[in-house]
Amino acid sequence: MTTAWNRHNRNSPNNSPGIHLLRDASVARRLVTSAAVTTGDLVVEFGAGTGALTAYLERTGARVIAVEDHPRFVRRLERRFAAGGTVRVVAEDARAVPLPNRPYSVVASIPYAISTQLLRRLLGPDDTALVAADLVVEWGFAKRVTSSQPRNFDVAWWQARFDMWIAARVPARSFQPSPQVDSAHLVVRRRPGTRGGQARRIRRDVRAAYGKSPNKRRRR
């Protein structure tokens, strides 16, 4: 979900199908507080919208990569953060934008439709540089990826290397327009020693436990 809380108008991208704008500033503040990023840290925000969450991230002193693919939102972001020097606006799809190869965090309210794809990108690679994420995702999705009994290889693989838990429920009324279901503040923290060779060993163990390759599990 694109994150913003601003005035509607007929020509605004806010009215585009599938976009739910986060209008509860307290949710954005909690995300940033939980992330605990500080000066010099690298943070990626997917679906930056008009920059409401981006503004809280900017105040931390972190280096922010604000990813947004809607042209009007991109222009607003560029105007809003041009002077600060710590926010870089990237006009790209979250599913395709190159990810950092140095340690980074993600703080974002992400579209329901790409939640699985995005987590595969962030948590899937053996050598991912992601160290932490604070995400707003659909409530049911958050319950599935934090289940103590993962239903598929992907979730088991993610949980084997990352601590994942729900920090709070985010009511549907926190968005404009309101989606049909509530969301969740999903927290992800990478465990020490789970990259490189250790990650490959973990992958083999998880794959053996599930009996099939991740691709075969995914198609079922």
Protein backbone atom coordinates (compact mmCIF):
# COMPACT_ATOMS: atom_id res chain seq x y z
CA MET A 1 0.00 0.00 0.00
CA THR A 2 1.17 3.46 -0.79
CA THR A 3 1.54 5.46 2.40
CA ALA A 4 0.19 8.97 2.55
CA TRP A 5 -2.48 11.02 4.26
CA ASN A 6 -3.45 13.97 2.15
CA ARG A 7 -6.47 15.65 0.58
CA HIS A 8 -8.37 13.79 -2.14
CA ASN A 9 -9.10 15.32 -5.52
CA ARG A 10 -10.52 13.89 -8.69
CA ASN A 11 -7.22 13.88 -10.58
CA SER A 12 -5.11 12.55 -7.75
CA PRO A 13 -3.40 9.17 -7.93
CA ASN A 14 -4.90 8.65 -4.49
CA ASN A 15 -8.07 7.55 -6.27
CA SER A 16 -6.34 4.87 -8.37
CA PRO A 17 -7.71 1.35 -7.86
CA GLY A 18 -5.73 -0.69 -5.36
CA ILE A 19 -4.12 2.26 -3.60
CA HIS A 20 -4.98 2.61 0.08
CA LEU A 21 -3.37 5.62 1.71
CA LEU A 22 -2.24 5.32 5.30
CA ARG A 23 -3.88 8.23 7.07
CA ASP A 24 -3.00 7.36 10.68
CA ALA A 25 0.22 9.18 11.53
CA SER A 26 0.59 7.20 14.74
CA VAL A 27 1.10 4.02 12.69
CA ALA A 28 3.92 5.65 10.75
CA ARG A 29 5.56 6.86 13.95
CA ARG A 30 5.39 3.36 15.46
CA LEU A 31 6.98 1.84 12.37
CA VAL A 32 9.90 4.25 12.49
CA THR A 33 10.32 3.94 16.25
CA SER A 34 10.36 0.15 15.99
CA ALA A 35 12.89 0.24 13.17
CA ALA A 36 15.26 2.28 15.38
CA VAL A 37 17.23 3.52 12.39
CA THR A 38 19.62 6.38 12.93
CA THR A 39 22.12 8.65 11.21
CA GLY A 40 23.95 6.90 8.40
CA ASP A 41 21.76 3.78 8.33
CA LEU A 42 20.42 2.74 4.94
CA VAL A 43 16.63 2.37 4.69
CA VAL A 44 14.43 1.38 1.77
CA GLU A 45 10.78 2.43 1.68
CA PHE A 46 8.56 0.78 -0.92
CA GLY A 47 5.47 2.68 -2.05
CA ALA A 48 6.57 6.03 -0.67
CA GLY A 49 3.47 7.85 -1.96
CA THR A 50 3.51 11.55 -1.10
CA GLY A 51 6.19 11.06 1.53
CA ALA A 52 4.32 10.93 4.83
CA LEU A 53 6.28 7.96 6.17
CA THR A 54 9.37 9.16 4.30
CA ALA A 55 9.30 12.38 6.31
CA TYR A 56 9.52 10.48 9.60
CA LEU A 57 12.39 8.43 8.23
CA GLU A 58 14.19 11.56 7.06
CA ARG A 59 14.09 12.98 10.59
CA THR A 60 16.12 10.02 11.87
CA GLY A 61 19.12 11.05 9.78
CA ALA A 62 19.10 7.74 7.91
CA ARG A 63 19.82 7.53 4.21
CA VAL A 64 16.45 6.79 2.65
CA ILE A 65 15.74 5.20 -0.72
CA ALA A 66 12.11 6.08 -1.44
CA VAL A 67 10.77 3.72 -4.11
CA GLU A 68 7.61 4.79 -5.94
CA ASP A 69 6.32 3.96 -9.41
CA HIS A 70 3.38 6.37 -9.76
CA PRO A 71 4.60 9.40 -11.78
CA ARG A 72 2.64 12.00 -9.82
CA PHE A 73 3.79 10.65 -6.49
CA VAL A 74 7.36 10.58 -7.81
CA ARG A 75 7.20 14.26 -8.74
CA ARG A 76 5.78 15.17 -5.33
CA LEU A 77 8.50 13.21 -3.55
CA GLU A 78 11.23 14.83 -5.60
CA ARG A 79 9.91 18.30 -4.82
CA ARG A 80 9.36 17.59 -1.15
CA PHE A 81 12.75 16.06 -0.37
CA ALA A 82 15.04 17.80 -2.85
CA ALA A 83 16.63 20.07 -0.26
CA GLY A 84 17.31 17.57 2.51
CA GLY A 85 20.01 15.51 0.86
CA THR A 86 19.29 12.24 2.69
CA VAL A 87 16.33 10.99 0.63
CA ARG A 88 16.84 9.53 -2.85
CA VAL A 89 13.67 9.02 -4.86
CA VAL A 90 13.71 6.01 -7.20
CA ALA A 91 10.98 5.79 -9.84
CA GLU A 92 10.76 2.02 -10.06
CA ASP A 93 8.50 -0.94 -9.36
CA ALA A 94 9.20 -2.50 -5.95
CA ARG A 95 9.33 -5.91 -7.62
CA ALA A 96 12.17 -4.89 -9.93
CA VAL A 97 14.20 -2.16 -8.23
CA PRO A 98 17.79 -3.24 -7.47
CA LEU A 99 18.27 -3.93 -3.77
CA PRO A 100 21.28 -2.71 -1.77
CA ASN A 101 24.28 -5.01 -1.37
CA ARG A 102 25.27 -3.42 1.95
CA PRO A 103 23.31 -3.86 5.20
CA TYR A 104 19.94 -2.14 5.01
CA SER A 105 16.49 -2.01 6.60
CA VAL A 106 13.05 -1.73 5.06
CA VAL A 107 10.26 0.39 6.53
CA ALA A 108 7.14 0.41 4.38
CA SER A 109 3.44 -0.13 3.95
CA ILE A 110 3.37 -2.53 1.03
CA PRO A 111 0.57 -3.46 -1.40
CA TYR A 112 -1.25 -6.64 -0.43
CA ALA A 113 -0.94 -7.99 -3.98
CA ILE A 114 2.86 -8.09 -3.99
CA SER A 115 3.53 -9.07 -0.38
CA THR A 116 4.72 -12.60 -1.16
CA GLN A 117 6.83 -11.48 -4.13
CA LEU A 118 8.45 -8.75 -2.11
CA LEU A 119 9.29 -10.98 0.85
CA ARG A 120 10.82 -13.52 -1.54
CA ARG A 121 13.06 -10.76 -2.86
CA LEU A 122 14.00 -9.51 0.59
CA LEU A 123 14.31 -12.74 2.57
CA GLY A 124 14.90 -15.39 -0.08
CA PRO A 125 18.50 -14.96 -1.29
CA ASP A 126 21.21 -16.73 0.72
CA ASP A 127 23.29 -13.55 0.72
CA THR A 128 20.55 -10.98 1.29
CA ALA A 129 21.87 -7.80 2.89
CA LEU A 130 18.57 -7.14 4.67
CA VAL A 131 19.00 -6.90 8.43
CA ALA A 132 15.55 -5.71 9.51
CA ALA A 133 12.11 -4.79 8.24
CA ASP A 134 9.05 -3.09 9.69
CA LEU A 135 6.16 -3.61 7.31
CA VAL A 136 2.45 -2.97 7.13
CA VAL A 137 0.90 -6.03 5.46
CA GLU A 138 -2.51 -7.69 5.27
CA TRP A 139 -3.49 -9.29 8.60
CA GLY A 140 -4.01 -12.79 7.24
CA PHE A 141 -0.69 -12.69 5.43
CA ALA A 142 1.08 -11.65 8.63
CA LYS A 143 -0.53 -14.54 10.50
CA ARG A 144 0.61 -17.02 7.85
CA VAL A 145 4.24 -15.91 7.74
CA THR A 146 4.53 -15.89 11.54
CA SER A 147 2.81 -19.25 12.09
CA SER A 148 4.67 -21.73 14.26
CA GLN A 149 3.84 -24.36 11.64
CA PRO A 150 4.88 -22.94 8.24
CA ARG A 151 2.72 -24.23 5.42
CA ASN A 152 5.34 -24.03 2.65
CA PHE A 153 9.05 -23.96 1.97
CA ASP A 154 9.26 -20.19 1.54
CA VAL A 155 7.88 -19.36 4.97
CA ALA A 156 9.92 -22.10 6.66
CA TRP A 157 13.06 -20.81 4.92
CA TRP A 158 12.37 -17.23 5.97
CA GLN A 159 11.68 -18.23 9.57
CA ALA A 160 14.87 -20.30 9.71
CA ARG A 161 16.97 -17.15 9.29
CA PHE A 162 14.74 -14.32 10.48
CA ASP A 163 12.72 -13.70 13.62
CA MET A 164 9.26 -12.63 12.49
CA TRP A 165 6.40 -11.42 14.66
CA ILE A 166 3.32 -9.23 14.66
CA ALA A 167 3.83 -6.06 16.67
CA ALA A 168 0.32 -4.64 16.32
CA ARG A 169 -2.94 -4.85 14.46
CA VAL A 170 -3.56 -1.93 12.09
CA PRO A 171 -7.31 -1.32 11.68
CA ALA A 172 -8.75 -0.89 8.20
CA ARG A 173 -9.91 2.59 9.21
CA SER A 174 -6.25 3.63 9.30
CA PHE A 175 -6.37 3.83 5.50
CA GLN A 176 -8.22 5.92 2.93
CA PRO A 177 -10.09 4.34 1.33
CA SER A 178 -10.42 1.60 3.91
CA PRO A 179 -9.57 -1.91 2.66
CA GLN A 180 -11.94 -4.75 3.48
CA VAL A 181 -9.60 -6.29 6.05
CA ASP A 182 -7.27 -5.13 8.79
CA SER A 183 -3.51 -4.96 8.39
CA ALA A 184 -0.62 -5.80 10.69
CA HIS A 185 2.70 -4.28 11.69
CA LEU A 186 5.03 -7.14 10.79
CA VAL A 187 8.52 -7.06 12.32
CA VAL A 188 11.41 -8.96 10.72
CA ARG A 189 14.89 -9.24 12.25
CA ARG A 190 17.74 -11.28 10.79
CA ARG A 191 19.43 -13.75 13.10
CA PRO A 192 23.23 -13.60 13.43
CA GLY A 193 25.30 -16.01 11.37
CA THR A 194 22.66 -16.80 8.75
CA ARG A 195 24.37 -15.64 5.55
CA GLY A 196 26.75 -17.30 3.11
CA GLY A 197 27.73 -20.89 3.84
CA GLN A 198 25.55 -21.09 6.94
CA ALA A 199 22.54 -19.97 4.91
CA ARG A 200 23.20 -22.67 2.33
CA ARG A 201 23.31 -25.31 5.06
CA ILE A 202 20.06 -24.03 6.51
CA ARG A 203 18.46 -24.10 3.07
CA ARG A 204 19.46 -27.75 2.58
CA ASP A 205 18.01 -28.68 5.95
CA VAL A 206 14.72 -26.90 5.31
CA ARG A 207 14.45 -28.36 1.83
CA ALA A 208 15.04 -31.85 3.20
CA ALA A 209 12.37 -31.31 5.84
CA TYR A 210 9.84 -30.29 3.19
CA GLY A 211 10.83 -33.04 0.80
CA LYS A 212 10.61 -30.98 -2.37
CA SER A 213 12.36 -28.06 -4.03
CA PRO A 214 10.94 -24.61 -3.29
CA ASN A 215 9.79 -24.25 -6.89
CA LYS A 216 7.73 -27.43 -6.74
CA ARG A 217 6.27 -26.45 -3.38
CA ARG A 218 5.37 -23.03 -4.76
CA ARG A 219 3.36 -24.37 -7.70
CA ARG A 220 1.08 -26.48 -5.56
